[in-house]
Each structure stands twice: as C-alpha cells, then as structure tokens.
Amino acid sequence: MKIVWDPANALVAGEVPIPDGYRVLDPTRVAHVHAKDCRMEGHKPIWGPLGTRSVDWKGQIEALLEDRYSGWLSLETHWPGPGGNKLEGSIICGWNLRGLASA
C-alpha cells in the first residue's frame, strides 16, 4: 500500500517532520508528497511561503533524492498569500519549491 507524506501535517501533529517523522516511513511506500510550510504558535499553524517556516524543506528534498523518490510532489498552499492574494502566494511557493528542488 502506498502513502502520502505531508511534512507540514506532521509538524502540526507535533512531530519533527524531517528527519524524525520521515525516517520512520518506508520510503518505497511514499507515492505522493504534499509541499506547504508553517510554524506553530501554540497549537495553531501559521502558514507562510514554502521554505520559510519550520519544515526543513531543503533537508526533506535531499532525503527524497537520497531515497530515489520518483512520485509526485504537490504544492498544497495553505498560506493566503501577500495581502490575501492566494494566486500570488501559490506562485511564490512554486518558485520557492523550484529553487529548493534545484539547489
């Protein structure tokens, strides 16, 4: 059975997503990864641009590459974007993801 890995959801649930949460998974079962970012204020996630909050996206992408991940990496923007412009927020997050993936 394949699984979806969502590091930000793991963070919201109280885990350290990378390396701790990711390393308990069987990487051969990961078929889809959701990309979004937040930091926690108490029990509340504060969403922001991908790669600028508490999820170590650089480390996560490095781990996926080491594990020869070949599945989907989907941008799942929860950040409302600058001034509430969700489209602009998604564009920014997409560019950030591209930069992280190519570094």
Protein backbone atom coordinates (compact mmCIF):
# COMPACT_ATOMS: atom_id res chain seq x y z
CA MET A 1 0.00 0.00 0.00
CA LYS A 2 1.33 3.43 -0.97
CA ILE A 3 1.11 6.50 1.27
CA VAL A 4 1.02 10.30 1.12
CA TRP A 5 3.69 12.08 3.16
CA ASP A 6 2.86 15.58 4.38
CA PRO A 7 5.70 17.08 6.45
CA ALA A 8 3.68 20.15 7.47
CA ASN A 9 0.84 17.98 8.75
CA ALA A 10 3.41 16.03 10.74
CA LEU A 11 4.68 19.31 12.20
CA VAL A 12 1.13 20.39 13.13
CA ALA A 13 0.66 16.98 14.81
CA GLY A 14 3.72 17.67 16.99
CA GLU A 15 6.42 15.74 15.14
CA VAL A 16 9.78 16.90 13.87
CA PRO A 17 8.94 16.00 10.26
CA ILE A 18 12.46 15.71 8.94
CA PRO A 19 14.40 13.73 9.84
CA ASP A 20 12.36 12.12 12.65
CA GLY A 21 8.91 11.63 11.06
CA TYR A 22 10.19 10.86 7.59
CA ARG A 23 12.73 8.32 8.82
CA VAL A 24 10.06 6.08 10.40
CA LEU A 25 8.42 5.71 6.98
CA ASP A 26 9.33 3.07 4.45
CA PRO A 27 10.44 5.39 1.61
CA THR A 28 9.45 2.79 -1.00
CA ARG A 29 5.82 3.24 0.07
CA VAL A 30 5.75 7.05 -0.37
CA ALA A 31 3.87 7.81 -3.59
CA HIS A 32 2.92 11.45 -3.06
CA VAL A 33 4.38 14.33 -1.02
CA HIS A 34 2.45 17.48 -0.11
CA ALA A 35 4.51 20.68 -0.02
CA LYS A 36 3.41 23.50 2.27
CA ASP A 37 5.03 25.28 5.20
CA CYS A 38 4.08 26.68 8.58
CA ARG A 39 5.34 27.42 12.04
CA MET A 40 3.40 26.71 15.19
CA GLU A 41 2.12 29.26 17.69
CA GLY A 42 0.92 27.05 20.50
CA HIS A 43 -1.40 24.61 18.75
CA LYS A 44 -2.11 26.91 15.79
CA PRO A 45 -0.28 26.63 12.46
CA ILE A 46 0.82 29.94 10.95
CA TRP A 47 1.11 29.28 7.22
CA GLY A 48 3.69 31.01 5.10
CA PRO A 49 5.77 30.77 1.95
CA LEU A 50 7.24 27.34 1.32
CA GLY A 51 10.76 27.07 2.67
CA THR A 52 10.45 29.99 5.10
CA ARG A 53 8.83 28.37 8.16
CA SER A 54 9.54 25.37 10.36
CA VAL A 55 9.60 22.48 7.88
CA ASP A 56 13.15 21.72 6.75
CA TRP A 57 12.26 21.54 3.05
CA LYS A 58 15.88 21.54 1.93
CA GLY A 59 16.54 18.51 4.15
CA GLN A 60 13.29 16.86 3.06
CA ILE A 61 14.10 17.19 -0.64
CA GLU A 62 17.64 15.91 -0.01
CA ALA A 63 16.19 12.87 1.78
CA LEU A 64 13.74 12.22 -1.06
CA LEU A 65 16.57 12.39 -3.58
CA GLU A 66 18.75 10.06 -1.48
CA ASP A 67 15.84 7.59 -1.40
CA ARG A 68 15.41 7.91 -5.19
CA TYR A 69 11.87 9.18 -4.78
CA SER A 70 10.07 9.32 -8.13
CA GLY A 71 6.49 10.09 -7.10
CA TRP A 72 4.51 13.30 -7.04
CA LEU A 73 5.48 16.45 -5.14
CA SER A 74 2.38 18.64 -4.99
CA LEU A 75 2.24 22.23 -3.89
CA GLU A 76 -0.55 22.49 -1.32
CA THR A 77 -0.64 26.15 -0.43
CA HIS A 78 -2.48 26.96 2.79
CA TRP A 79 -0.81 30.37 3.00
CA PRO A 80 -3.29 33.06 1.91
CA GLY A 81 -0.53 34.93 0.10
CA PRO A 82 0.56 38.55 0.32
CA GLY A 83 -2.45 40.75 1.01
CA GLY A 84 -4.68 37.66 0.80
CA ASN A 85 -3.80 37.03 -2.86
CA LYS A 86 -3.84 33.21 -2.94
CA LEU A 87 -2.71 33.05 -6.59
CA GLU A 88 0.33 35.20 -5.88
CA GLY A 89 1.03 33.11 -2.79
CA SER A 90 0.92 29.93 -4.85
CA ILE A 91 3.25 31.42 -7.45
CA ILE A 92 5.74 32.42 -4.73
CA CYS A 93 5.57 28.96 -3.16
CA GLY A 94 6.04 27.34 -6.56
CA TRP A 95 9.15 29.39 -7.23
CA ASN A 96 10.46 28.57 -3.75
CA LEU A 97 9.87 24.86 -4.35
CA ARG A 98 11.63 25.05 -7.68
CA GLY A 99 14.61 26.75 -6.03
CA LEU A 100 14.74 24.19 -3.23
CA ALA A 101 14.50 21.27 -5.66
CA SER A 102 17.28 22.58 -7.89
CA ALA A 103 19.74 23.52 -5.13
